[in-house]
C-alpha cells in the first residue's frame, strides 16, 4: 500500500516465556505468557500530517481461556525545531483476569 506499512506476526509459546523487543509480537505489555499461548499481532504504520503514526494490535489466547489479553497501542512521533522530537504513546491492555490498564507516555527528546 502506498505510504502505508503493514506487518503481521503469529507466535505459539511452547512453554512459559516473556517476549522482549519491539517486533510485531514483542514488547506488548502482556508480561509472561502461559504454556502454549497463541499470539497474533498486526502493525500498521504511516505518515499523517507530518507525524509518524503507528498502530499495534496484539491478541493473546491462553490455552485455558482464562488469561486472554488484547493490547492496542498508538504511537505518534514528530520532529520539532532544533533537533527536538516529541513521542506520544497510548496503550490499552484489556486483560480478562486482572484489571484493565491504560497508559499515556509523552517523551520530549532534545539533541545537543
Protein backbone atom coordinates (compact mmCIF):
# COMPACT_ATOMS: atom_id res chain seq x y z
CA UNK A 1 0.00 0.00 0.00
CA UNK A 2 1.42 3.36 -0.99
CA UNK A 3 2.87 5.11 2.09
CA UNK A 4 1.34 2.57 4.47
CA UNK A 5 3.37 -0.20 6.11
CA UNK A 6 1.68 -3.40 7.29
CA UNK A 7 3.16 -6.26 9.33
CA UNK A 8 1.61 -9.41 10.79
CA UNK A 9 3.09 -11.88 13.23
CA UNK A 10 1.93 -15.10 14.83
CA UNK A 11 3.63 -16.96 17.66
CA UNK A 12 2.96 -20.02 19.81
CA UNK A 13 4.72 -20.29 23.17
CA UNK A 14 5.70 -23.92 23.77
CA UNK A 15 6.48 -23.07 27.40
CA UNK A 16 6.08 -20.09 29.73
CA UNK A 17 8.03 -17.23 28.18
CA UNK A 18 8.36 -13.45 28.15
CA UNK A 19 8.85 -11.88 24.72
CA UNK A 20 11.06 -8.79 24.65
CA UNK A 21 11.87 -6.44 21.83
CA UNK A 22 9.95 -4.09 19.62
CA UNK A 23 8.97 -6.53 16.90
CA UNK A 24 5.47 -7.33 15.73
CA UNK A 25 4.74 -9.75 18.61
CA UNK A 26 7.27 -8.40 21.13
CA UNK A 27 7.01 -5.87 23.94
CA UNK A 28 3.25 -5.57 24.13
CA UNK A 29 2.75 -5.24 27.91
CA UNK A 30 1.43 -8.78 28.32
CA UNK A 31 4.01 -9.96 30.84
CA UNK A 32 4.94 -13.64 30.94
CA UNK A 33 2.92 -15.90 28.65
CA UNK A 34 1.45 -19.21 29.75
CA UNK A 35 2.45 -22.54 28.28
CA UNK A 36 1.04 -22.98 24.75
CA UNK A 37 -0.33 -19.42 24.50
CA UNK A 38 -1.09 -18.17 20.98
CA UNK A 39 -0.26 -14.60 19.93
CA UNK A 40 -1.46 -12.81 16.82
CA UNK A 41 -0.35 -9.26 16.16
CA UNK A 42 -0.64 -6.64 13.43
CA UNK A 43 1.18 -3.34 12.96
CA UNK A 44 0.02 -0.51 10.70
CA UNK A 45 2.31 2.50 10.24
CA UNK A 46 2.22 5.60 8.09
CA UNK A 47 2.50 9.36 8.00
CA UNK A 48 -0.35 11.72 8.85
CA UNK A 49 0.14 15.49 8.58
CA UNK A 50 3.91 15.20 9.12
CA UNK A 51 3.56 12.83 12.08
CA UNK A 52 4.79 9.24 12.04
CA UNK A 53 1.82 7.22 13.33
CA UNK A 54 1.97 3.54 14.32
CA UNK A 55 -0.90 1.33 15.49
CA UNK A 56 -0.16 -2.06 17.07
CA UNK A 57 -2.78 -4.66 17.98
CA UNK A 58 -1.93 -7.92 19.74
CA UNK A 59 -4.25 -10.71 20.90
CA UNK A 60 -3.05 -13.44 23.26
CA UNK A 61 -5.22 -16.54 23.65
CA UNK A 62 -4.21 -18.64 26.64
CA UNK A 63 -4.86 -22.38 26.38
CA UNK A 64 -7.10 -22.40 29.48
CA UNK A 65 -9.06 -19.44 28.14
CA UNK A 66 -8.74 -17.62 31.44
CA UNK A 67 -5.96 -15.18 30.65
CA UNK A 68 -6.83 -13.77 27.23
CA UNK A 69 -5.24 -10.38 26.66
CA UNK A 70 -5.85 -7.75 23.99
CA UNK A 71 -3.40 -4.86 23.62
CA UNK A 72 -3.85 -1.80 21.42
CA UNK A 73 -1.06 0.74 21.16
CA UNK A 74 -0.88 4.04 19.24
CA UNK A 75 2.47 5.81 18.83
CA UNK A 76 2.77 9.29 17.34
CA UNK A 77 6.21 10.76 16.63
CA UNK A 78 7.03 14.26 15.39
CA UNK A 79 10.32 16.01 14.77
CA UNK A 80 10.26 19.56 16.14
CA UNK A 81 12.61 22.52 15.70
CA UNK A 82 16.34 22.40 16.56
CA UNK A 83 16.65 18.60 16.73
CA UNK A 84 13.86 18.15 19.26
CA UNK A 85 11.50 15.18 18.87
CA UNK A 86 8.14 14.50 20.52
CA UNK A 87 6.80 10.97 21.02
CA UNK A 88 3.37 10.21 22.47
CA UNK A 89 2.37 6.60 23.21
CA UNK A 90 -1.07 5.41 24.33
CA UNK A 91 -1.53 1.75 25.27
CA UNK A 92 -4.71 -0.04 26.34
CA UNK A 93 -4.33 -3.51 27.86
CA UNK A 94 -7.59 -5.47 28.19
CA UNK A 95 -6.97 -8.44 30.49
CA UNK A 96 -9.73 -10.93 31.35
CA UNK A 97 -8.26 -11.98 34.69
CA UNK A 98 -6.80 -8.71 36.01
CA UNK A 99 -7.64 -5.03 35.94
CA UNK A 100 -7.51 -3.35 32.54
CA UNK A 101 -4.66 -0.87 32.22
CA UNK A 102 -4.37 2.21 30.02
CA UNK A 103 -1.20 4.27 29.88
CA UNK A 104 -0.19 7.53 28.22
CA UNK A 105 3.50 8.32 27.88
CA UNK A 106 4.83 11.57 26.41
CA UNK A 107 8.53 11.98 25.70
CA UNK A 108 10.34 15.11 24.59
CA UNK A 109 13.88 14.38 23.36
CA UNK A 110 16.41 17.17 22.86
CA UNK A 111 19.67 16.66 20.97
CA UNK A 112 22.70 18.85 21.55
